[in-house]
Amino acid sequence: MASMLVLTLMSLPTLAHAANCDLSEADIVHGAGPGIPDGAAVALDPGGVRRELRKHGVEVGGAYYGEAFYNWGGIKDGGQYDGVLELYLNADMQQLGLWKGLCFHTDGYQIHGRSITGENVGGLMPVSSLEAEPSTRLFELWFEQHMFNDTVAVKIGQLAADAEFFFAEGGGYFLNGTWGWAPIAAENNPNGGPAYPLATPGVRVAVAPTDKLSMMLGLYNGDPAPQCSKAGGDPQRCNDHGLDFELDDDPLLLAEAAYHYDLAGGRLPGAIKIGGWNHFGSFEHQRVDVGGELIAVTGNSGKPLDHDWALYGIIDQLIWRVPGSEDPQGVSIFARFAGAPEDRNLVDFYFDGGFTFTGMIPGRPNDALAVGFAYTGISDEAAAFDVDSGEPVARNYESLVEIAYTFEIKEGWILQPDFQYFWNPGGGVAGVDDATVLGARTTITF
């Protein structure tokens, strides 16, 4: 149960549990923190319609996420509420009599409330992974073909890279958005890249030649939103309903390999991942223009630079197992490292890591405690631009400590109280103090 909780949490449609078109679990908001244990969907089935659809290979369902936070420090003290209603549909095309091994998925969101990060904290690492512009929008829409005894799966359609790439299992127990699509990806890719709440057309190929080794390659349209004048070009307002299927931008390529292993005679599973991405577009130097002059002085655009890239490594490891636990529960550690060129990026280094404690309370196997630290490093060139511009403080880094508890109230309903402390929100912007945030999220699946 514990391992399936994390997989569902992080919304991972991987080969490990997608061979039957994933009709056994609700797909949840990407990177939206700890999710719903396997089989925890609340029975809302008027007239038995959903049950009948499921018999024919079609599953419909959803979830509601509501959360409230209050902060002291940052831009200003204050509190905010935000929420997301998700509806999804999964279909096994073979059960529908159409095509063996073909799966279909789509989901959409009704997002409401206000962003505490934007309104109050001012950080690069968003307090909540749910924060987004209020809207009703389509998110993902794809077909996935499984082949060669489920050792190969090809997905095509409207995709989100954060659903599959650049995550650590342990990060799924937190509420802050940095544990998913971290700032080194969100800040450096155009308009945030293909990640919640903006998916983009793409194709992903996954290969699992053995139970221990898997590889993924994803190619996406490199900008999820068109250029527009709404709210100063806010990508979420420019693609306000998720229906702008952009195809004419420079592509973004992601690759990742994972190796799964066991220690202590199979009692302590672990995984190591190595990956990276390359954006084939044009980027600008953070400090100098094409003539080598300081852009803070000339006001010109930065020197054009071809491509942008990053490399990352991830480890997840169970270090102590609850005696007699069927699923791998106990004490786990995780860590992620990522680096990118400093001349064309705001963020050139990122690290997070922490501990998770699962199955520790007798009779409460789905509760979890998570403690983590995250660090976002501002590139030297961006910091030098601040000095050139005469800013009283040059941006340096932003860091975060988060403590989150996942409490299962009943099957299909969880509550997550949460504490976060930010050092240097925004990287160390003048006038923005360190911030303390308290809050909670409730999640109900149906």
Protein backbone atom coordinates (compact mmCIF):
# COMPACT_ATOMS: atom_id res chain seq x y z
CA MET A 1 0.00 0.00 0.00
CA ALA A 2 2.75 2.48 0.90
CA SER A 3 4.55 2.20 -2.42
CA MET A 4 1.30 2.56 -4.35
CA LEU A 5 0.41 5.61 -2.25
CA VAL A 6 3.56 7.38 -3.40
CA LEU A 7 3.12 6.33 -7.02
CA THR A 8 -0.42 7.66 -7.05
CA LEU A 9 0.70 10.76 -5.23
CA MET A 10 3.24 11.70 -7.81
CA SER A 11 0.89 10.75 -10.67
CA LEU A 12 3.33 8.44 -12.39
CA PRO A 13 1.85 6.71 -15.42
CA THR A 14 4.91 4.49 -15.82
CA LEU A 15 5.23 0.96 -17.13
CA ALA A 16 5.14 -0.42 -13.61
CA HIS A 17 1.42 0.17 -13.26
CA ALA A 18 0.17 1.34 -16.66
CA ALA A 19 0.02 -1.99 -18.48
CA ASN A 20 -3.71 -2.29 -17.79
CA CYS A 21 -4.34 1.36 -18.72
CA ASP A 22 -4.21 2.40 -15.07
CA LEU A 23 -7.89 1.81 -14.35
CA SER A 24 -7.12 0.93 -10.73
CA GLU A 25 -6.03 4.37 -9.50
CA ALA A 26 -7.20 7.96 -9.74
CA ASP A 27 -4.87 10.25 -11.64
CA ILE A 28 -4.23 13.27 -9.43
CA VAL A 29 -2.79 16.74 -9.83
CA HIS A 30 0.81 16.43 -11.03
CA GLY A 31 3.23 16.83 -8.17
CA ALA A 32 0.34 17.78 -5.89
CA GLY A 33 1.79 16.07 -2.85
CA PRO A 34 0.78 12.89 -1.08
CA GLY A 35 -2.16 11.37 -2.70
CA ILE A 36 -4.66 8.64 -2.35
CA PRO A 37 -3.91 5.06 -1.30
CA ASP A 38 -4.70 2.37 -3.85
CA GLY A 39 -8.41 1.60 -3.99
CA ALA A 40 -9.43 4.64 -1.95
CA ALA A 41 -11.90 6.14 -4.44
CA VAL A 42 -15.08 7.19 -2.67
CA ALA A 43 -18.12 5.36 -4.07
CA LEU A 44 -20.11 8.05 -5.86
CA ASP A 45 -21.86 6.07 -8.55
CA PRO A 46 -25.48 7.12 -9.18
CA GLY A 47 -27.37 4.36 -10.90
CA GLY A 48 -24.24 2.24 -11.16
CA VAL A 49 -23.12 4.13 -14.30
CA ARG A 50 -19.46 4.24 -13.34
CA ARG A 51 -19.46 0.57 -12.41
CA GLU A 52 -20.97 -0.32 -15.76
CA LEU A 53 -18.51 1.84 -17.67
CA ARG A 54 -15.63 0.21 -15.82
CA LYS A 55 -16.78 -3.22 -16.95
CA HIS A 56 -16.25 -2.00 -20.50
CA GLY A 57 -12.84 -0.47 -19.83
CA VAL A 58 -13.78 3.16 -19.08
CA GLU A 59 -13.10 4.85 -15.75
CA VAL A 60 -14.28 8.32 -14.78
CA GLY A 61 -13.62 10.03 -11.49
CA GLY A 62 -12.03 12.97 -9.81
CA ALA A 63 -10.70 14.63 -6.71
CA TYR A 64 -11.06 17.88 -4.83
CA TYR A 65 -8.06 19.56 -3.21
CA GLY A 66 -8.61 22.48 -0.85
CA GLU A 67 -5.95 24.23 1.19
CA ALA A 68 -5.39 27.28 3.33
CA PHE A 69 -2.10 28.92 4.35
CA TYR A 70 -1.02 31.84 6.49
CA ASN A 71 2.45 33.40 6.43
CA TRP A 72 4.51 35.76 8.55
CA GLY A 73 7.24 37.60 6.66
CA GLY A 74 7.97 37.57 2.93
CA ILE A 75 6.28 40.43 1.06
CA LYS A 76 3.55 40.84 3.65
CA ASP A 77 1.79 38.86 6.35
CA GLY A 78 -1.47 37.25 5.34
CA GLY A 79 -3.44 34.17 4.44
CA GLN A 80 -4.96 32.70 1.30
CA TYR A 81 -7.18 29.82 0.20
CA ASP A 82 -6.92 27.93 -3.07
CA GLY A 83 -8.44 24.76 -4.45
CA VAL A 84 -8.58 22.47 -7.45
CA LEU A 85 -11.37 20.25 -8.72
CA GLU A 86 -10.01 17.55 -11.05
CA LEU A 87 -12.03 15.30 -13.32
CA TYR A 88 -10.43 12.52 -15.34
CA LEU A 89 -11.28 9.75 -17.81
CA ASN A 90 -9.20 6.63 -18.50
CA ALA A 91 -10.03 4.05 -21.14
CA ASP A 92 -8.63 0.63 -22.06
CA MET A 93 -9.14 0.52 -25.83
CA GLN A 94 -8.72 -3.26 -25.89
CA GLN A 95 -11.63 -3.73 -23.48
CA LEU A 96 -13.63 -1.44 -25.74
CA GLY A 97 -12.88 -3.81 -28.61
CA LEU A 98 -10.69 -1.37 -30.52
CA TRP A 99 -6.94 -1.97 -30.13
CA LYS A 100 -4.79 -4.25 -28.00
CA GLY A 101 -2.44 -2.48 -25.62
CA LEU A 102 -3.80 1.02 -26.36
CA CYS A 103 -4.76 3.31 -23.46
CA PHE A 104 -6.44 6.71 -23.41
CA HIS A 105 -6.37 9.39 -20.72
CA THR A 106 -7.61 12.93 -20.31
CA ASP A 107 -8.13 15.22 -17.37
CA GLY A 108 -9.10 18.79 -16.62
CA TYR A 109 -9.10 21.23 -13.72
CA GLN A 110 -11.25 23.93 -12.21
CA ILE A 111 -8.72 26.05 -10.32
CA HIS A 112 -9.80 28.76 -7.89
CA GLY A 113 -8.49 30.87 -5.04
CA ARG A 114 -5.38 33.02 -4.68
CA SER A 115 -1.65 32.31 -4.61
CA ILE A 116 -0.01 32.83 -1.24
CA THR A 117 3.40 32.68 -2.93
CA GLY A 118 2.60 35.52 -5.32
CA GLU A 119 0.54 37.61 -2.91
CA ASN A 120 2.45 37.17 0.34
CA VAL A 121 5.71 35.20 0.26
CA GLY A 122 7.37 36.16 -3.04
CA GLY A 123 9.40 32.97 -3.32
CA LEU A 124 10.75 30.96 -6.24
CA MET A 125 9.66 27.71 -4.59
CA PRO A 126 5.84 27.91 -4.49
CA VAL A 127 4.24 27.22 -1.12
CA SER A 128 1.76 24.89 -2.83
CA SER A 129 2.04 22.70 -5.91
CA LEU A 130 -1.62 23.56 -6.62
CA GLU A 131 -1.11 27.30 -7.04
CA ALA A 132 -2.15 28.56 -10.46
CA GLU A 133 -4.24 31.25 -12.14
CA PRO A 134 -7.97 30.69 -11.54
CA SER A 135 -9.34 28.95 -14.61
CA THR A 136 -11.22 25.98 -16.00
CA ARG A 137 -8.83 24.13 -18.26
CA LEU A 138 -7.92 20.96 -20.09
CA PHE A 139 -4.64 19.50 -18.91
CA GLU A 140 -3.47 16.20 -20.46
CA LEU A 141 -5.01 14.36 -23.41
CA TRP A 142 -3.10 11.35 -24.74
CA PHE A 143 -2.99 7.83 -26.14
CA GLU A 144 -0.38 5.30 -24.97
CA GLN A 145 0.50 2.12 -26.84
CA HIS A 146 2.05 -0.78 -24.89
CA MET A 147 4.14 -3.24 -26.88
CA PHE A 148 6.49 -6.21 -26.55
CA ASN A 149 5.03 -7.62 -23.34
CA ASP A 150 4.84 -4.15 -21.79
CA THR A 151 8.57 -3.53 -22.11
CA VAL A 152 7.91 -0.57 -24.43
CA ALA A 153 5.26 2.13 -24.15
CA VAL A 154 4.81 5.08 -26.51
CA LYS A 155 2.65 7.99 -25.41
CA ILE A 156 1.53 10.81 -27.73
CA GLY A 157 -0.75 13.78 -27.25
CA GLN A 158 -0.99 16.73 -24.86
CA LEU A 159 1.58 15.83 -22.20
CA ALA A 160 3.13 17.17 -19.01
CA ALA A 161 6.82 16.41 -18.47
CA ASP A 162 6.56 16.81 -14.70
CA ALA A 163 4.27 13.77 -14.58
CA GLU A 164 7.18 11.45 -15.38
CA PHE A 165 10.57 13.20 -15.35
CA PHE A 166 12.73 14.75 -12.62
CA PHE A 167 11.03 13.54 -9.44
CA ALA A 168 12.01 11.70 -6.30
CA GLU A 169 9.50 9.38 -4.67
CA GLY A 170 10.16 10.88 -1.26
CA GLY A 171 9.25 14.33 -2.52
CA GLY A 172 5.66 13.23 -3.00
CA TYR A 173 4.83 13.69 0.66
CA PHE A 174 5.22 17.50 0.66
CA LEU A 175 2.93 20.37 -0.35
CA ASN A 176 5.49 22.86 -1.71
CA GLY A 177 5.76 22.76 -5.50
CA THR A 178 9.56 22.60 -5.50
CA TRP A 179 9.53 18.85 -4.79
CA GLY A 180 8.02 18.30 -8.24
CA TRP A 181 8.96 20.61 -11.12
CA ALA A 182 11.69 22.50 -9.23
CA PRO A 183 12.68 26.12 -10.02
CA ILE A 184 15.69 25.00 -12.07
CA ALA A 185 13.11 23.62 -14.52
CA ALA A 186 10.24 26.06 -13.99
CA GLU A 187 12.31 29.26 -14.03
CA ASN A 188 14.72 28.30 -16.82
CA ASN A 189 12.30 26.86 -19.39
CA PRO A 190 10.10 29.22 -21.47
CA ASN A 191 6.83 29.93 -19.65
CA GLY A 192 7.64 27.25 -17.11
CA GLY A 193 7.87 24.36 -19.56
CA PRO A 194 5.37 21.50 -19.98
CA ALA A 195 4.25 21.22 -16.35
CA TYR A 196 1.15 21.82 -14.24
CA PRO A 197 -1.06 23.61 -15.12
CA LEU A 198 0.20 23.84 -18.73
CA ALA A 199 0.70 20.68 -20.79
CA THR A 200 1.91 20.78 -24.39
CA PRO A 201 1.96 18.45 -27.44
CA GLY A 202 4.64 15.81 -27.24
CA VAL A 203 5.68 12.20 -27.43
CA ARG A 204 7.25 10.01 -24.74
CA VAL A 205 8.90 6.62 -25.22
CA ALA A 206 9.50 4.40 -22.17
CA VAL A 207 11.53 1.19 -22.28
CA ALA A 208 11.86 -1.31 -19.41
CA PRO A 209 14.08 -4.19 -20.59
CA THR A 210 14.24 -5.62 -17.04
CA ASP A 211 12.47 -5.12 -13.73
CA LYS A 212 15.47 -3.17 -12.48
CA LEU A 213 16.31 -0.97 -15.46
CA SER A 214 14.10 1.55 -17.26
CA MET A 215 14.66 4.46 -19.63
CA MET A 216 12.49 7.31 -20.87
CA LEU A 217 12.81 9.83 -23.69
CA GLY A 218 10.38 12.70 -24.13
CA LEU A 219 10.11 15.32 -26.88
CA TYR A 220 7.77 18.27 -26.23
CA ASN A 221 6.84 21.55 -27.82
CA GLY A 222 9.21 23.81 -25.91
CA ASP A 223 6.75 26.57 -24.96
CA PRO A 224 3.30 25.69 -23.55
CA ALA A 225 1.72 29.11 -24.20
CA PRO A 226 1.55 31.56 -27.13
CA GLN A 227 2.76 35.12 -26.82
CA CYS A 228 0.01 37.57 -25.87
CA SER A 229 -0.58 40.82 -24.03
CA LYS A 230 -2.87 39.45 -21.28
CA ALA A 231 -1.55 40.34 -17.83
CA GLY A 232 1.86 41.18 -19.24
CA GLY A 233 2.14 37.91 -21.11
CA ASP A 234 1.26 35.60 -18.21
CA PRO A 235 1.40 32.14 -19.88
CA GLN A 236 -1.52 30.79 -17.87
CA ARG A 237 -3.70 33.64 -19.14
CA CYS A 238 -2.35 33.43 -22.67
CA ASN A 239 -3.33 29.73 -22.73
CA ASP A 240 -6.26 30.26 -20.40
CA HIS A 241 -8.23 27.06 -21.11
CA GLY A 242 -5.41 24.69 -22.08
CA LEU A 243 -6.70 24.52 -25.66
CA ASP A 244 -3.78 26.21 -27.45
CA PHE A 245 -2.01 23.15 -28.82
CA GLU A 246 1.26 24.87 -29.66
CA LEU A 247 3.36 23.02 -32.26
CA ASP A 248 5.63 25.66 -33.81
CA ASP A 249 8.08 26.36 -30.97
CA ASP A 250 11.60 25.01 -30.53
CA PRO A 251 11.46 21.53 -28.95
CA LEU A 252 12.39 20.43 -25.45
CA LEU A 253 14.05 17.01 -25.13
CA LEU A 254 14.18 15.11 -21.82
CA ALA A 255 15.92 11.82 -21.08
CA GLU A 256 16.11 9.74 -17.92
CA ALA A 257 17.42 6.32 -16.90
CA ALA A 258 16.50 4.58 -13.65
CA TYR A 259 18.04 1.61 -11.86
CA HIS A 260 16.06 -0.12 -9.09
CA TYR A 261 17.84 -2.37 -6.59
CA ASP A 262 17.41 -4.04 -3.21
CA LEU A 263 19.62 -4.11 -0.13
CA ALA A 264 19.58 -6.35 2.94
CA GLY A 265 18.31 -9.38 1.08
CA GLY A 266 15.53 -7.49 -0.71
CA ARG A 267 14.13 -5.77 2.40
CA LEU A 268 15.42 -2.28 1.56
CA PRO A 269 14.52 -1.20 -1.99
CA GLY A 270 16.16 1.81 -3.60
CA ALA A 271 16.45 3.60 -6.93
CA ILE A 272 18.97 5.82 -8.70
CA LYS A 273 18.00 8.07 -11.61
CA ILE A 274 20.17 10.06 -13.98
CA GLY A 275 18.64 12.48 -16.45
CA GLY A 276 18.63 15.84 -18.11
CA TRP A 277 17.05 18.05 -20.72
CA ASN A 278 18.00 20.19 -23.69
CA HIS A 279 15.91 23.05 -25.04
CA PHE A 280 16.73 23.76 -28.68
CA GLY A 281 15.58 27.38 -28.60
CA SER A 282 17.47 30.66 -28.34
CA PHE A 283 18.21 32.16 -24.94
CA GLU A 284 19.75 35.41 -23.73
CA HIS A 285 22.86 36.03 -21.66
CA GLN A 286 21.97 37.13 -18.14
CA ARG A 287 24.49 39.99 -18.02
CA VAL A 288 25.98 41.15 -21.35
CA ASP A 289 24.60 42.07 -24.78
CA VAL A 290 25.83 41.01 -28.21
CA GLY A 291 28.60 43.61 -28.08
CA GLY A 292 29.82 42.45 -24.68
CA GLU A 293 28.46 45.51 -22.90
CA LEU A 294 26.52 45.34 -19.64
CA ILE A 295 22.79 45.18 -20.38
CA ALA A 296 22.12 47.00 -17.10
CA VAL A 297 23.90 49.98 -18.67
CA THR A 298 22.85 49.77 -22.32
CA GLY A 299 19.29 48.49 -21.82
CA ASN A 300 19.80 46.11 -24.74
CA SER A 301 18.73 42.50 -24.85
CA GLY A 302 21.17 39.89 -23.66
CA LYS A 303 23.57 38.23 -26.08
CA PRO A 304 21.73 35.44 -27.97
CA LEU A 305 22.80 31.94 -26.95
CA ASP A 306 21.78 28.69 -28.62
CA HIS A 307 20.21 25.91 -26.58
CA ASP A 308 19.80 25.49 -22.85
CA TRP A 309 20.32 22.33 -20.86
CA ALA A 310 20.47 20.79 -17.40
CA LEU A 311 21.63 17.54 -15.82
CA TYR A 312 20.25 15.90 -12.69
CA GLY A 313 20.66 12.92 -10.38
CA ILE A 314 18.16 11.41 -7.93
CA ILE A 315 18.29 8.76 -5.22
CA ASP A 316 15.50 7.17 -3.17
CA GLN A 317 16.43 4.63 -0.47
CA LEU A 318 14.55 2.83 2.29
CA ILE A 319 17.04 2.64 5.18
CA TRP A 320 14.88 0.95 7.83
CA ARG A 321 11.83 -1.21 7.31
CA VAL A 322 8.94 -1.72 9.70
CA PRO A 323 9.30 -5.35 10.85
CA GLY A 324 6.80 -7.58 9.11
CA SER A 325 5.54 -4.89 6.70
CA GLU A 326 4.28 -6.31 3.42
CA ASP A 327 4.88 -3.07 1.53
CA PRO A 328 8.21 -1.27 1.94
CA GLN A 329 7.32 1.02 4.86
CA GLY A 330 9.67 2.58 7.37
CA VAL A 331 12.32 5.29 7.18
CA SER A 332 13.41 6.48 3.73
CA ILE A 333 15.84 9.09 2.47
CA PHE A 334 15.84 10.88 -0.86
CA ALA A 335 17.90 13.54 -2.63
CA ARG A 336 17.97 15.41 -5.97
CA PHE A 337 20.80 17.42 -7.51
CA ALA A 338 20.56 19.49 -10.70
CA GLY A 339 22.82 21.92 -12.51
CA ALA A 340 22.49 24.26 -15.52
CA PRO A 341 24.69 26.84 -17.32
CA GLU A 342 24.99 30.11 -15.39
CA ASP A 343 25.28 32.43 -18.40
CA ARG A 344 21.71 31.90 -19.69
CA ASN A 345 19.77 30.90 -16.61
CA LEU A 346 18.42 32.52 -13.47
CA VAL A 347 18.92 29.25 -11.53
CA ASP A 348 22.15 27.30 -12.07
CA PHE A 349 22.05 24.84 -9.14
CA TYR A 350 19.32 23.05 -7.25
CA PHE A 351 19.28 20.54 -4.39
CA ASP A 352 16.62 18.96 -2.24
CA GLY A 353 16.54 16.02 0.13
CA GLY A 354 14.89 14.67 3.21
CA PHE A 355 13.44 11.86 5.27
CA THR A 356 10.05 10.17 5.14
CA PHE A 357 8.52 8.01 7.87
CA THR A 358 5.71 5.68 6.77
CA GLY A 359 3.82 2.90 8.53
CA MET A 360 5.30 3.90 11.88
CA ILE A 361 2.03 4.10 13.83
CA PRO A 362 0.28 0.76 14.48
CA GLY A 363 -3.14 0.71 12.88
CA ARG A 364 -2.39 3.71 10.63
CA PRO A 365 -0.44 2.29 7.68
CA ASN A 366 -1.23 5.20 5.34
CA ASP A 367 -0.04 8.02 7.59
CA ALA A 368 3.32 9.60 6.79
CA LEU A 369 5.69 12.22 8.19
CA ALA A 370 8.07 14.03 5.84
CA VAL A 371 10.92 16.41 6.67
CA GLY A 372 12.86 18.04 3.86
CA PHE A 373 15.26 20.81 2.83
CA ALA A 374 15.47 22.47 -0.60
CA TYR A 375 18.01 24.94 -2.02
CA THR A 376 17.70 27.05 -5.17
CA GLY A 377 20.94 28.75 -6.23
CA ILE A 378 20.87 31.98 -8.26
CA SER A 379 23.47 32.03 -11.03
CA ASP A 380 26.52 34.27 -10.65
CA GLU A 381 25.65 36.10 -13.88
CA ALA A 382 22.16 36.96 -12.63
CA ALA A 383 23.63 38.13 -9.31
CA ALA A 384 26.19 40.24 -11.19
CA PHE A 385 23.35 41.84 -13.16
CA ASP A 386 21.83 42.94 -9.84
CA VAL A 387 25.14 44.58 -8.88
CA ASP A 388 25.40 46.23 -12.30
CA SER A 389 21.86 47.57 -11.88
CA GLY A 390 22.66 49.14 -8.52
CA GLU A 391 20.37 46.89 -6.51
CA PRO A 392 21.00 47.20 -2.76
CA VAL A 393 21.19 43.41 -2.48
CA ALA A 394 22.33 40.92 -5.12
CA ARG A 395 20.24 37.76 -5.31
CA ASN A 396 22.09 34.70 -4.05
CA TYR A 397 19.89 31.76 -3.08
CA GLU A 398 16.52 30.71 -1.69
CA SER A 399 16.19 27.80 0.72
CA LEU A 400 13.32 26.02 2.40
CA VAL A 401 12.57 23.64 5.24
CA GLU A 402 9.24 21.83 5.13
CA ILE A 403 7.58 19.44 7.59
CA ALA A 404 4.38 17.77 6.41
CA TYR A 405 2.17 15.10 7.92
CA THR A 406 -0.27 12.97 5.92
CA PHE A 407 -3.24 11.87 8.02
CA GLU A 408 -5.82 9.50 6.54
CA ILE A 409 -9.18 10.54 8.02
CA LYS A 410 -10.97 7.72 6.22
CA GLU A 411 -10.65 5.88 2.94
CA GLY A 412 -10.54 8.48 0.17
CA TRP A 413 -10.11 11.48 2.50
CA ILE A 414 -6.78 12.77 3.80
CA LEU A 415 -5.63 15.85 5.72
CA GLN A 416 -2.10 17.27 5.53
CA PRO A 417 -1.00 19.87 8.09
CA ASP A 418 2.15 21.63 6.91
CA PHE A 419 4.96 23.90 8.12
CA GLN A 420 7.40 25.76 5.84
CA TYR A 421 10.21 28.22 6.52
CA PHE A 422 11.85 30.24 3.71
CA TRP A 423 15.26 31.89 3.78
CA ASN A 424 15.76 34.65 1.19
CA PRO A 425 12.42 34.41 -0.66
CA GLY A 426 12.96 35.29 -4.32
CA GLY A 427 16.67 34.64 -3.94
CA GLY A 428 17.31 37.48 -1.49
CA VAL A 429 15.32 40.45 -2.83
CA ALA A 430 15.66 43.70 -0.91
CA GLY A 431 12.68 44.33 1.34
CA VAL A 432 11.49 40.72 1.33
CA ASP A 433 11.99 39.06 4.71
CA ASP A 434 12.36 35.39 5.58
CA ALA A 435 8.92 33.79 5.80
CA THR A 436 7.16 31.29 8.03
CA VAL A 437 4.13 29.50 6.56
CA LEU A 438 1.56 27.32 8.31
CA GLY A 439 -1.27 25.61 6.48
CA ALA A 440 -3.12 22.46 5.61
CA ARG A 441 -4.54 20.64 2.59
CA THR A 442 -7.48 18.30 2.45
CA THR A 443 -7.99 15.87 -0.43
CA ILE A 444 -11.16 13.94 -1.27
CA THR A 445 -11.30 11.49 -4.15
CA PHE A 446 -14.44 10.26 -5.84
